[in-house]
Structures are given as structure tokens and as C-alpha cells.
Amino acid sequence: MARAARIGAGSFLIDEAASGVADRVGAAARRFHDAVEIGGTDLAFGKLKTLAERWTRATFSEDELLELPEQKFELAVSVLALHAVNDLPGALIQIRRSLKPDGLFVAALLAGDTLKELRESFASGEETVSGGVSPRVAPFADVRDLGGLLHRAGFSLPVADSERTTVRYRKFDTLLHDLRAAGETNTLVHRTRKTLRRDALAASLAHYNAFHAEADGRLRATFDIVYLTGWSPHESQQKPLRPGSAKSRLADALGTVEHDAGDSAPVKRD
């Protein structure tokens, strides 16, 4: 992200993710006073700063610590920063602790099938040329796992939803430029430090063109942005009902016949 900030980061990914975060914060229909923005760029912050009166901007240290006071903020947001964190559960816990009771957290991060075409093509190219594969594209978490991490970190009313954007590039170089602009180059510690051989790159491009190109020759690239929403616990929030406390049956509401699990015949009730 620091590199993206230095080169201007005029990236559609950052713009889209920041807009998605702003929309979800706006849906809360609440005015926030003290807020913290975590790990973003100036481009992202420009779309978020009207959501609260006072802002603190924070980044993770090399040890992935946030130097933030506990129960200080009513709102915490993050745009395309958390998917690069090694200890995401720990990061979420730190963010939750910085929120006041009933404080809101909204983040956008890349996940799911992001860059699946690029990952597949690099793997195919290297396998064809050298008979082995090195990690060229960092892995991304699944949206269902991310929702579970919110709950594990102690957030109430956790929600994880995904929006997919498919971009069509005229040139492979343009895709790489956009990734650099968004600060999304390979951050794996154990990645190979060797430049991809020209013959392996040629084989990768051939695979990309053969399997992930449109009829007009444009190259497809998939980006899944997952939005995480959660609240710091508070007694006023909605809580799930106790199992067995329902006063009416779902079958009656649906106008259907109730069956016991494993039985094929209807169950008659008085």
C-alpha cells in the first residue's frame, strides 16, 4: 500500500472498494464522531472522510500491532489492507478492542477467486517449462471463512458479503500495472526471488490467451471484493432467540406438512 501511495494509486480497485465500504457505513443511518481508518491510501480515505467528524489513521507495525487505545472509536474502516495481514484473527481482535460498545467495523479485502486466471496461467507456464511451480500469486481467503473470523474475533451481528468484478484487459502489461497501482504485487515471504524466465512467461501468456481471453482478444481478470461488517457487542443489540422458544411452527407459516427428520410419512399433530 505504501508503494501504491507513492505512485498515485489511481486504481479502480481502491475506488470501488472504498465506495463499497462507504455505502455499508451509510446504511447504518448513524452519525459517527470518532473514527479510525486502518491501512488505506489517500484515495480510499478521500471517499470515507465525510462519514465521521474526527479521524485517526493507523497502520499495522511490522509485528502486526495497532497502536490504538481501547474503546476509543465509534467507527473503524479498512480498504484493501487486511488480506495482506498474516494474523487476520489477531488483527480483527485488535480492531474490535479499539471500538466503543456498539461501534461499527466495515472493511473491504480481496478474497475468493481473485486473480484465479493469473494464478492458473503462471502455474501452467512454469510447469510446462521447468516442471515445477512457485507461488506467484498470494492465496485469498474464502468468504465463508471470513464471516467465521468476525464471530471468532468477538464481533456481534457479523456479515460477510462478496461482490465480483470481471475486468477485460487489452494487454497483459496493463493488468500488472493496475496490480502495482493498487499495491497488490506478491507479498508472500516464501515467494521465489527469481524473475520469471522469459520462456515460462511466454508459456504463461499463451495459457492466459488460450483459456481466459474474449473473442476480441481481451484478457479476463477476476476480482472478488469481500466486505466485512460487524459491531462491537452492546446490550441493546439484537440477540438470537433461545432454541425452542418459538410460539408458532414454521410449517404453519409456510402452509406445509411437517415431517420428522428421517421419516417419509407426514407427522400428525393435534
C-alpha atoms as a PDB file:
ATOM      1  CA  MET A   1       0.000   0.000   0.000  1.00  0.00           C
ATOM      2  CA  ALA A   2       2.876   2.385   0.666  1.00  0.00           C
ATOM      3  CA  ARG A   3       4.188   1.833  -2.837  1.00  0.00           C
ATOM      4  CA  ALA A   4       0.708   2.422  -4.244  1.00  0.00           C
ATOM      5  CA  ALA A   5       0.532   5.727  -2.395  1.00  0.00           C
ATOM      6  CA  ARG A   6       3.896   6.835  -3.822  1.00  0.00           C
ATOM      7  CA  ILE A   7       2.851   6.209  -7.427  1.00  0.00           C
ATOM      8  CA  GLY A   8      -0.557   7.818  -7.048  1.00  0.00           C
ATOM      9  CA  ALA A   9      -2.672   4.668  -6.755  1.00  0.00           C
ATOM     10  CA  GLY A  10      -5.253   5.799  -9.281  1.00  0.00           C
ATOM     11  CA  SER A  11      -6.689   2.320  -9.135  1.00  0.00           C
ATOM     12  CA  PHE A  12     -10.277   1.340  -9.854  1.00  0.00           C
ATOM     13  CA  LEU A  13      -9.968  -1.436  -7.237  1.00  0.00           C
ATOM     14  CA  ILE A  14      -9.293   1.006  -4.413  1.00  0.00           C
ATOM     15  CA  ASP A  15     -12.015   3.333  -5.681  1.00  0.00           C
ATOM     16  CA  GLU A  16     -14.576   0.535  -5.914  1.00  0.00           C
ATOM     17  CA  ALA A  17     -13.723  -0.957  -2.528  1.00  0.00           C
ATOM     18  CA  ALA A  18     -13.830   2.429  -0.789  1.00  0.00           C
ATOM     19  CA  SER A  19     -17.226   3.158  -2.329  1.00  0.00           C
ATOM     20  CA  GLY A  20     -18.497  -0.215  -1.100  1.00  0.00           C
ATOM     21  CA  VAL A  21     -17.300   0.483   2.429  1.00  0.00           C
ATOM     22  CA  ALA A  22     -18.878   3.956   2.375  1.00  0.00           C
ATOM     23  CA  ASP A  23     -22.212   2.507   1.209  1.00  0.00           C
ATOM     24  CA  ARG A  24     -22.272  -0.017   4.053  1.00  0.00           C
ATOM     25  CA  VAL A  25     -21.367   2.561   6.673  1.00  0.00           C
ATOM     26  CA  GLY A  26     -24.054   4.871   5.279  1.00  0.00           C
ATOM     27  CA  ALA A  27     -26.645   2.114   5.636  1.00  0.00           C
ATOM     28  CA  ALA A  28     -26.189   2.298   9.420  1.00  0.00           C
ATOM     29  CA  ALA A  29     -28.004   5.664   9.343  1.00  0.00           C
ATOM     30  CA  ARG A  30     -25.896   6.981  12.201  1.00  0.00           C
ATOM     31  CA  ARG A  31     -23.601   9.962  12.591  1.00  0.00           C
ATOM     32  CA  PHE A  32     -20.150   8.928  13.789  1.00  0.00           C
ATOM     33  CA  HIS A  33     -17.892  11.270  15.701  1.00  0.00           C
ATOM     34  CA  ASP A  34     -14.582   9.461  16.324  1.00  0.00           C
ATOM     35  CA  ALA A  35     -13.403   7.052  13.636  1.00  0.00           C
ATOM     36  CA  VAL A  36     -10.244   5.222  12.628  1.00  0.00           C
ATOM     37  CA  GLU A  37      -9.107   4.299   9.118  1.00  0.00           C
ATOM     38  CA  ILE A  38      -6.703   1.365   9.002  1.00  0.00           C
ATOM     39  CA  GLY A  39      -4.040   0.731   6.402  1.00  0.00           C
ATOM     40  CA  GLY A  40      -5.565   2.541   3.456  1.00  0.00           C
ATOM     41  CA  THR A  41      -4.393   5.088   0.890  1.00  0.00           C
ATOM     42  CA  ASP A  42      -5.252   8.744   0.446  1.00  0.00           C
ATOM     43  CA  LEU A  43      -7.523   7.779  -2.453  1.00  0.00           C
ATOM     44  CA  ALA A  44      -9.537   5.456  -0.212  1.00  0.00           C
ATOM     45  CA  PHE A  45      -9.636   7.926   2.678  1.00  0.00           C
ATOM     46  CA  GLY A  46     -10.934  10.642   0.383  1.00  0.00           C
ATOM     47  CA  LYS A  47     -14.131   8.641  -0.107  1.00  0.00           C
ATOM     48  CA  LEU A  48     -14.546   7.898   3.591  1.00  0.00           C
ATOM     49  CA  LYS A  49     -13.687  11.073   5.470  1.00  0.00           C
ATOM     50  CA  THR A  50     -17.207  12.542   5.319  1.00  0.00           C
ATOM     51  CA  LEU A  51     -18.533   9.538   7.275  1.00  0.00           C
ATOM     52  CA  ALA A  52     -17.256  10.874  10.618  1.00  0.00           C
ATOM     53  CA  GLU A  53     -16.280  14.137  12.254  1.00  0.00           C
ATOM     54  CA  ARG A  54     -12.851  13.202  13.617  1.00  0.00           C
ATOM     55  CA  TRP A  55     -10.428  10.689  12.146  1.00  0.00           C
ATOM     56  CA  THR A  56      -7.357   8.775  13.216  1.00  0.00           C
ATOM     57  CA  ARG A  57      -5.343   6.983  10.532  1.00  0.00           C
ATOM     58  CA  ALA A  58      -3.459   3.875  11.618  1.00  0.00           C
ATOM     59  CA  THR A  59      -1.317   1.156  10.075  1.00  0.00           C
ATOM     60  CA  PHE A  60      -0.057  -2.180  11.316  1.00  0.00           C
ATOM     61  CA  SER A  61       3.534  -2.330  12.536  1.00  0.00           C
ATOM     62  CA  GLU A  62       5.963  -4.965  11.271  1.00  0.00           C
ATOM     63  CA  ASP A  63       4.776  -7.092  14.199  1.00  0.00           C
ATOM     64  CA  GLU A  64       1.176  -6.536  13.041  1.00  0.00           C
ATOM     65  CA  LEU A  65       0.239  -4.427  16.039  1.00  0.00           C
ATOM     66  CA  LEU A  66      -2.134  -1.471  16.027  1.00  0.00           C
ATOM     67  CA  GLU A  67      -1.144   1.259  18.444  1.00  0.00           C
ATOM     68  CA  LEU A  68      -4.710   2.263  19.248  1.00  0.00           C
ATOM     69  CA  PRO A  69      -6.413   2.988  22.583  1.00  0.00           C
ATOM     70  CA  GLU A  70      -9.163   0.620  23.675  1.00  0.00           C
ATOM     71  CA  GLN A  71     -12.822   1.614  23.317  1.00  0.00           C
ATOM     72  CA  LYS A  72     -11.936   4.896  21.654  1.00  0.00           C
ATOM     73  CA  PHE A  73     -13.766   4.848  18.318  1.00  0.00           C
ATOM     74  CA  GLU A  74     -17.359   4.580  17.150  1.00  0.00           C
ATOM     75  CA  LEU A  75     -16.312   3.521  13.646  1.00  0.00           C
ATOM     76  CA  ALA A  76     -13.390   1.569  12.175  1.00  0.00           C
ATOM     77  CA  VAL A  77     -12.885   1.083   8.429  1.00  0.00           C
ATOM     78  CA  SER A  78     -10.255  -0.571   6.260  1.00  0.00           C
ATOM     79  CA  VAL A  79      -9.898  -0.672   2.463  1.00  0.00           C
ATOM     80  CA  LEU A  80      -7.842  -3.413   0.765  1.00  0.00           C
ATOM     81  CA  ALA A  81      -5.351  -3.808   3.599  1.00  0.00           C
ATOM     82  CA  LEU A  82      -6.413  -6.767   5.737  1.00  0.00           C
ATOM     83  CA  HIS A  83      -5.905  -9.520   3.136  1.00  0.00           C
ATOM     84  CA  ALA A  84      -2.149  -8.886   3.400  1.00  0.00           C
ATOM     85  CA  VAL A  85      -2.124  -9.453   7.173  1.00  0.00           C
ATOM     86  CA  ASN A  86      -0.656 -12.754   8.368  1.00  0.00           C
ATOM     87  CA  ASP A  87      -2.673 -12.983  11.605  1.00  0.00           C
ATOM     88  CA  LEU A  88      -6.100 -11.830  10.487  1.00  0.00           C
ATOM     89  CA  PRO A  89      -7.937 -13.109  13.603  1.00  0.00           C
ATOM     90  CA  GLY A  90      -5.489 -11.159  15.781  1.00  0.00           C
ATOM     91  CA  ALA A  91      -5.919  -8.046  13.641  1.00  0.00           C
ATOM     92  CA  LEU A  92      -9.696  -8.240  13.931  1.00  0.00           C
ATOM     93  CA  ILE A  93      -9.476  -8.624  17.698  1.00  0.00           C
ATOM     94  CA  GLN A  94      -7.304  -5.508  17.932  1.00  0.00           C
ATOM     95  CA  ILE A  95      -9.793  -3.552  15.820  1.00  0.00           C
ATOM     96  CA  ARG A  96     -12.738  -4.735  17.904  1.00  0.00           C
ATOM     97  CA  ARG A  97     -10.979  -3.700  21.109  1.00  0.00           C
ATOM     98  CA  SER A  98     -10.448  -0.185  19.735  1.00  0.00           C
ATOM     99  CA  LEU A  99     -14.213   0.268  19.282  1.00  0.00           C
ATOM    100  CA  LYS A 100     -16.623   1.591  21.838  1.00  0.00           C
ATOM    101  CA  PRO A 101     -19.576  -0.673  22.702  1.00  0.00           C
ATOM    102  CA  ASP A 102     -21.956  -0.706  19.711  1.00  0.00           C
ATOM    103  CA  GLY A 103     -19.174   0.595  17.470  1.00  0.00           C
ATOM    104  CA  LEU A 104     -19.201  -0.356  13.795  1.00  0.00           C
ATOM    105  CA  PHE A 105     -16.453  -2.046  11.783  1.00  0.00           C
ATOM    106  CA  VAL A 106     -16.532  -2.238   7.964  1.00  0.00           C
ATOM    107  CA  ALA A 107     -13.685  -3.497   5.808  1.00  0.00           C
ATOM    108  CA  ALA A 108     -13.073  -4.458   2.194  1.00  0.00           C
ATOM    109  CA  LEU A 109     -10.486  -7.045   1.229  1.00  0.00           C
ATOM    110  CA  LEU A 110      -9.672  -9.189  -1.759  1.00  0.00           C
ATOM    111  CA  ALA A 111     -10.699 -12.822  -1.349  1.00  0.00           C
ATOM    112  CA  GLY A 112     -12.313 -15.783  -3.064  1.00  0.00           C
ATOM    113  CA  ASP A 113     -11.350 -16.330  -6.716  1.00  0.00           C
ATOM    114  CA  THR A 114      -9.424 -13.066  -7.103  1.00  0.00           C
ATOM    115  CA  LEU A 115      -6.835 -13.367  -9.907  1.00  0.00           C
ATOM    116  CA  LYS A 116      -7.682 -17.017 -10.482  1.00  0.00           C
ATOM    117  CA  GLU A 117      -6.803 -16.647 -14.184  1.00  0.00           C
ATOM    118  CA  LEU A 118      -3.367 -15.231 -13.399  1.00  0.00           C
ATOM    119  CA  ARG A 119      -2.636 -17.874 -10.771  1.00  0.00           C
ATOM    120  CA  GLU A 120      -3.616 -20.688 -13.129  1.00  0.00           C
ATOM    121  CA  SER A 121      -1.614 -19.278 -16.053  1.00  0.00           C
ATOM    122  CA  PHE A 122       1.575 -18.771 -14.038  1.00  0.00           C
ATOM    123  CA  ALA A 123       1.300 -22.304 -12.675  1.00  0.00           C
ATOM    124  CA  SER A 124       0.748 -23.745 -16.141  1.00  0.00           C
ATOM    125  CA  GLY A 125       3.623 -21.787 -17.674  1.00  0.00           C
ATOM    126  CA  GLU A 126       6.159 -22.778 -15.033  1.00  0.00           C
ATOM    127  CA  GLU A 127       5.014 -26.389 -15.012  1.00  0.00           C
ATOM    128  CA  THR A 128       5.370 -26.569 -18.787  1.00  0.00           C
ATOM    129  CA  VAL A 129       8.865 -25.083 -18.882  1.00  0.00           C
ATOM    130  CA  SER A 130      10.539 -26.190 -15.648  1.00  0.00           C
ATOM    131  CA  GLY A 131       8.331 -28.982 -14.323  1.00  0.00           C
ATOM    132  CA  GLY A 132       7.654 -27.145 -11.061  1.00  0.00           C
ATOM    133  CA  VAL A 133       5.512 -24.355  -9.680  1.00  0.00           C
ATOM    134  CA  SER A 134       6.430 -21.462  -7.359  1.00  0.00           C
ATOM    135  CA  PRO A 135       3.878 -19.208  -5.633  1.00  0.00           C
ATOM    136  CA  ARG A 136       3.482 -16.148  -7.855  1.00  0.00           C
ATOM    137  CA  VAL A 137       0.045 -15.033  -6.601  1.00  0.00           C
ATOM    138  CA  ALA A 138      -0.794 -14.894  -2.898  1.00  0.00           C
ATOM    139  CA  PRO A 139      -3.739 -17.068  -1.755  1.00  0.00           C
ATOM    140  CA  PHE A 140      -7.028 -15.444  -0.802  1.00  0.00           C
ATOM    141  CA  ALA A 141      -9.470 -16.432   1.932  1.00  0.00           C
ATOM    142  CA  ASP A 142     -12.951 -17.811   1.324  1.00  0.00           C
ATOM    143  CA  VAL A 143     -15.898 -15.549   2.120  1.00  0.00           C
ATOM    144  CA  ARG A 144     -17.447 -18.150   4.463  1.00  0.00           C
ATOM    145  CA  ASP A 145     -14.229 -18.394   6.457  1.00  0.00           C
ATOM    146  CA  LEU A 146     -14.039 -14.612   6.775  1.00  0.00           C
ATOM    147  CA  GLY A 147     -17.524 -14.425   8.267  1.00  0.00           C
ATOM    148  CA  GLY A 148     -16.488 -17.002  10.841  1.00  0.00           C
ATOM    149  CA  LEU A 149     -13.386 -14.986  11.735  1.00  0.00           C
ATOM    150  CA  LEU A 150     -15.552 -11.957  12.564  1.00  0.00           C
ATOM    151  CA  HIS A 151     -17.519 -14.064  15.043  1.00  0.00           C
ATOM    152  CA  ARG A 152     -14.302 -15.558  16.440  1.00  0.00           C
ATOM    153  CA  ALA A 153     -12.904 -12.059  16.997  1.00  0.00           C
ATOM    154  CA  GLY A 154     -15.904 -11.158  19.161  1.00  0.00           C
ATOM    155  CA  PHE A 155     -17.965  -9.050  16.768  1.00  0.00           C
ATOM    156  CA  SER A 156     -21.746  -9.066  17.056  1.00  0.00           C
ATOM    157  CA  LEU A 157     -24.072  -9.361  14.053  1.00  0.00           C
ATOM    158  CA  PRO A 158     -21.214 -10.376  11.712  1.00  0.00           C
ATOM    159  CA  VAL A 159     -21.827 -10.199   7.964  1.00  0.00           C
ATOM    160  CA  ALA A 160     -19.520 -11.094   5.079  1.00  0.00           C
ATOM    161  CA  ASP A 161     -20.713 -10.439   1.538  1.00  0.00           C
ATOM    162  CA  SER A 162     -18.865 -10.570  -1.759  1.00  0.00           C
ATOM    163  CA  GLU A 163     -19.021  -8.574  -4.977  1.00  0.00           C
ATOM    164  CA  ARG A 164     -17.285  -9.794  -8.134  1.00  0.00           C
ATOM    165  CA  THR A 165     -15.765  -7.568 -10.782  1.00  0.00           C
ATOM    166  CA  THR A 166     -14.513  -9.044 -14.049  1.00  0.00           C
ATOM    167  CA  VAL A 167     -12.103  -6.735 -15.861  1.00  0.00           C
ATOM    168  CA  ARG A 168     -11.131  -7.155 -19.508  1.00  0.00           C
ATOM    169  CA  TYR A 169      -7.635  -6.013 -20.438  1.00  0.00           C
ATOM    170  CA  ARG A 170      -6.302  -5.328 -23.900  1.00  0.00           C
ATOM    171  CA  LYS A 171      -2.763  -6.093 -22.750  1.00  0.00           C
ATOM    172  CA  PHE A 172      -1.243  -8.250 -20.025  1.00  0.00           C
ATOM    173  CA  ASP A 173       1.054  -5.355 -19.062  1.00  0.00           C
ATOM    174  CA  THR A 174      -1.982  -3.242 -18.180  1.00  0.00           C
ATOM    175  CA  LEU A 175      -3.150  -5.856 -15.680  1.00  0.00           C
ATOM    176  CA  LEU A 176       0.262  -5.851 -13.999  1.00  0.00           C
ATOM    177  CA  HIS A 177       0.268  -2.039 -13.907  1.00  0.00           C
ATOM    178  CA  ASP A 178      -3.110  -1.995 -12.153  1.00  0.00           C
ATOM    179  CA  LEU A 179      -1.914  -4.514  -9.571  1.00  0.00           C
ATOM    180  CA  ARG A 180       1.132  -2.383  -8.805  1.00  0.00           C
ATOM    181  CA  ALA A 181      -1.027   0.751  -8.590  1.00  0.00           C
ATOM    182  CA  ALA A 182      -3.266  -0.942  -6.038  1.00  0.00           C
ATOM    183  CA  GLY A 183      -0.294  -2.241  -4.028  1.00  0.00           C
ATOM    184  CA  GLU A 184      -1.253  -5.819  -4.868  1.00  0.00           C
ATOM    185  CA  THR A 185       2.037  -7.318  -6.004  1.00  0.00           C
ATOM    186  CA  ASN A 186       3.153 -10.616  -4.477  1.00  0.00           C
ATOM    187  CA  THR A 187       3.738 -10.169  -0.719  1.00  0.00           C
ATOM    188  CA  LEU A 188       4.461 -13.791   0.184  1.00  0.00           C
ATOM    189  CA  VAL A 189       7.518 -14.132   2.412  1.00  0.00           C
ATOM    190  CA  HIS A 190       8.422 -17.505   0.922  1.00  0.00           C
ATOM    191  CA  ARG A 191       7.924 -16.498  -2.692  1.00  0.00           C
ATOM    192  CA  THR A 192      10.742 -17.086  -5.138  1.00  0.00           C
ATOM    193  CA  ARG A 193      13.083 -14.125  -5.541  1.00  0.00           C
ATOM    194  CA  LYS A 194      13.996 -15.133  -9.067  1.00  0.00           C
ATOM    195  CA  THR A 195      12.474 -13.299 -12.024  1.00  0.00           C
ATOM    196  CA  LEU A 196      10.152 -15.460 -14.070  1.00  0.00           C
ATOM    197  CA  ARG A 197      12.081 -16.864 -17.009  1.00  0.00           C
ATOM    198  CA  ARG A 198      11.139 -15.470 -20.417  1.00  0.00           C
ATOM    199  CA  ASP A 199      10.155 -18.880 -21.772  1.00  0.00           C
ATOM    200  CA  ALA A 200       7.997 -19.520 -18.685  1.00  0.00           C
ATOM    201  CA  LEU A 201       6.384 -16.081 -19.042  1.00  0.00           C
ATOM    202  CA  ALA A 202       5.707 -16.778 -22.729  1.00  0.00           C
ATOM    203  CA  ALA A 203       4.096 -20.109 -21.806  1.00  0.00           C
ATOM    204  CA  SER A 204       2.007 -18.393 -19.121  1.00  0.00           C
ATOM    205  CA  LEU A 205       0.791 -15.746 -21.569  1.00  0.00           C
ATOM    206  CA  ALA A 206      -0.043 -18.455 -24.101  1.00  0.00           C
ATOM    207  CA  HIS A 207      -2.156 -20.242 -21.496  1.00  0.00           C
ATOM    208  CA  TYR A 208      -3.862 -16.980 -20.483  1.00  0.00           C
ATOM    209  CA  ASN A 209      -4.731 -16.202 -24.111  1.00  0.00           C
ATOM    210  CA  ALA A 210      -5.926 -19.736 -24.770  1.00  0.00           C
ATOM    211  CA  PHE A 211      -8.218 -20.130 -21.758  1.00  0.00           C
ATOM    212  CA  HIS A 212      -9.058 -16.667 -20.399  1.00  0.00           C
ATOM    213  CA  ALA A 213      -9.462 -14.387 -23.405  1.00  0.00           C
ATOM    214  CA  GLU A 214     -12.607 -12.992 -25.013  1.00  0.00           C
ATOM    215  CA  ALA A 215     -13.381 -13.305 -28.707  1.00  0.00           C
ATOM    216  CA  ASP A 216     -11.836  -9.867 -29.279  1.00  0.00           C
ATOM    217  CA  GLY A 217      -8.597 -10.927 -27.589  1.00  0.00           C
ATOM    218  CA  ARG A 218      -9.129  -9.056 -24.318  1.00  0.00           C
ATOM    219  CA  LEU A 219      -7.907 -10.882 -21.205  1.00  0.00           C
ATOM    220  CA  ARG A 220     -10.302 -11.531 -18.315  1.00  0.00           C
ATOM    221  CA  ALA A 221      -9.252 -10.900 -14.721  1.00  0.00           C
ATOM    222  CA  THR A 222     -11.483 -11.722 -11.752  1.00  0.00           C
ATOM    223  CA  PHE A 223     -11.538  -9.639  -8.559  1.00  0.00           C
ATOM    224  CA  ASP A 224     -13.709 -10.699  -5.606  1.00  0.00           C
ATOM    225  CA  ILE A 225     -14.030  -7.934  -3.008  1.00  0.00           C
ATOM    226  CA  VAL A 226     -15.394  -9.214   0.299  1.00  0.00           C
ATOM    227  CA  TYR A 227     -16.961  -6.723   2.694  1.00  0.00           C
ATOM    228  CA  LEU A 228     -16.853  -7.491   6.397  1.00  0.00           C
ATOM    229  CA  THR A 229     -19.323  -5.815   8.733  1.00  0.00           C
ATOM    230  CA  GLY A 230     -19.513  -6.297  12.488  1.00  0.00           C
ATOM    231  CA  TRP A 231     -20.437  -4.463  15.662  1.00  0.00           C
ATOM    232  CA  SER A 232     -18.698  -4.216  18.994  1.00  0.00           C
ATOM    233  CA  PRO A 233     -21.023  -6.002  21.469  1.00  0.00           C
ATOM    234  CA  HIS A 234     -23.617  -3.970  23.359  1.00  0.00           C
ATOM    235  CA  GLU A 235     -26.655  -4.987  25.413  1.00  0.00           C
ATOM    236  CA  SER A 236     -29.018  -3.031  23.147  1.00  0.00           C
ATOM    237  CA  GLN A 237     -28.222  -5.138  20.072  1.00  0.00           C
ATOM    238  CA  GLN A 238     -30.464  -7.836  18.660  1.00  0.00           C
ATOM    239  CA  LYS A 239     -29.844 -11.299  20.045  1.00  0.00           C
ATOM    240  CA  PRO A 240     -30.853 -14.718  18.706  1.00  0.00           C
ATOM    241  CA  LEU A 241     -33.868 -16.324  20.371  1.00  0.00           C
ATOM    242  CA  ARG A 242     -33.380 -19.260  22.720  1.00  0.00           C
ATOM    243  CA  PRO A 243     -33.839 -22.592  20.857  1.00  0.00           C
ATOM    244  CA  GLY A 244     -37.378 -23.907  21.406  1.00  0.00           C
ATOM    245  CA  SER A 245     -38.822 -20.516  22.368  1.00  0.00           C
ATOM    246  CA  ALA A 246     -40.839 -20.049  19.162  1.00  0.00           C
ATOM    247  CA  LYS A 247     -44.615 -19.721  19.685  1.00  0.00           C
ATOM    248  CA  SER A 248     -45.615 -20.931  16.214  1.00  0.00           C
ATOM    249  CA  ARG A 249     -44.371 -23.589  13.831  1.00  0.00           C
ATOM    250  CA  LEU A 250     -42.558 -22.822  10.587  1.00  0.00           C
ATOM    251  CA  ALA A 251     -44.675 -25.439   8.803  1.00  0.00           C
ATOM    252  CA  ASP A 252     -47.837 -23.491   9.687  1.00  0.00           C
ATOM    253  CA  ALA A 253     -46.353 -20.260   8.367  1.00  0.00           C
ATOM    254  CA  LEU A 254     -45.369 -21.963   5.105  1.00  0.00           C
ATOM    255  CA  GLY A 255     -48.666 -23.820   4.786  1.00  0.00           C
ATOM    256  CA  THR A 256     -46.990 -27.211   4.508  1.00  0.00           C
ATOM    257  CA  VAL A 257     -46.932 -30.548   6.344  1.00  0.00           C
ATOM    258  CA  GLU A 258     -44.256 -31.087   8.975  1.00  0.00           C
ATOM    259  CA  HIS A 259     -42.039 -34.180   8.760  1.00  0.00           C
ATOM    260  CA  ASP A 260     -39.743 -35.582  11.405  1.00  0.00           C
ATOM    261  CA  ALA A 261     -36.141 -35.934  10.306  1.00  0.00           C
ATOM    262  CA  GLY A 262     -35.609 -39.249   8.577  1.00  0.00           C
ATOM    263  CA  ASP A 263     -39.336 -40.044   8.247  1.00  0.00           C
ATOM    264  CA  SER A 264     -41.043 -40.210   4.880  1.00  0.00           C
ATOM    265  CA  ALA A 265     -44.607 -40.029   6.181  1.00  0.00           C
ATOM    266  CA  PRO A 266     -46.312 -36.868   7.472  1.00  0.00           C
ATOM    267  CA  VAL A 267     -46.456 -36.452  11.226  1.00  0.00           C
ATOM    268  CA  LYS A 268     -49.983 -35.861  12.533  1.00  0.00           C
ATOM    269  CA  ARG A 269     -50.292 -33.446  15.394  1.00  0.00           C
ATOM    270  CA  ASP A 270     -53.307 -32.364  17.462  1.00  0.00           C
END
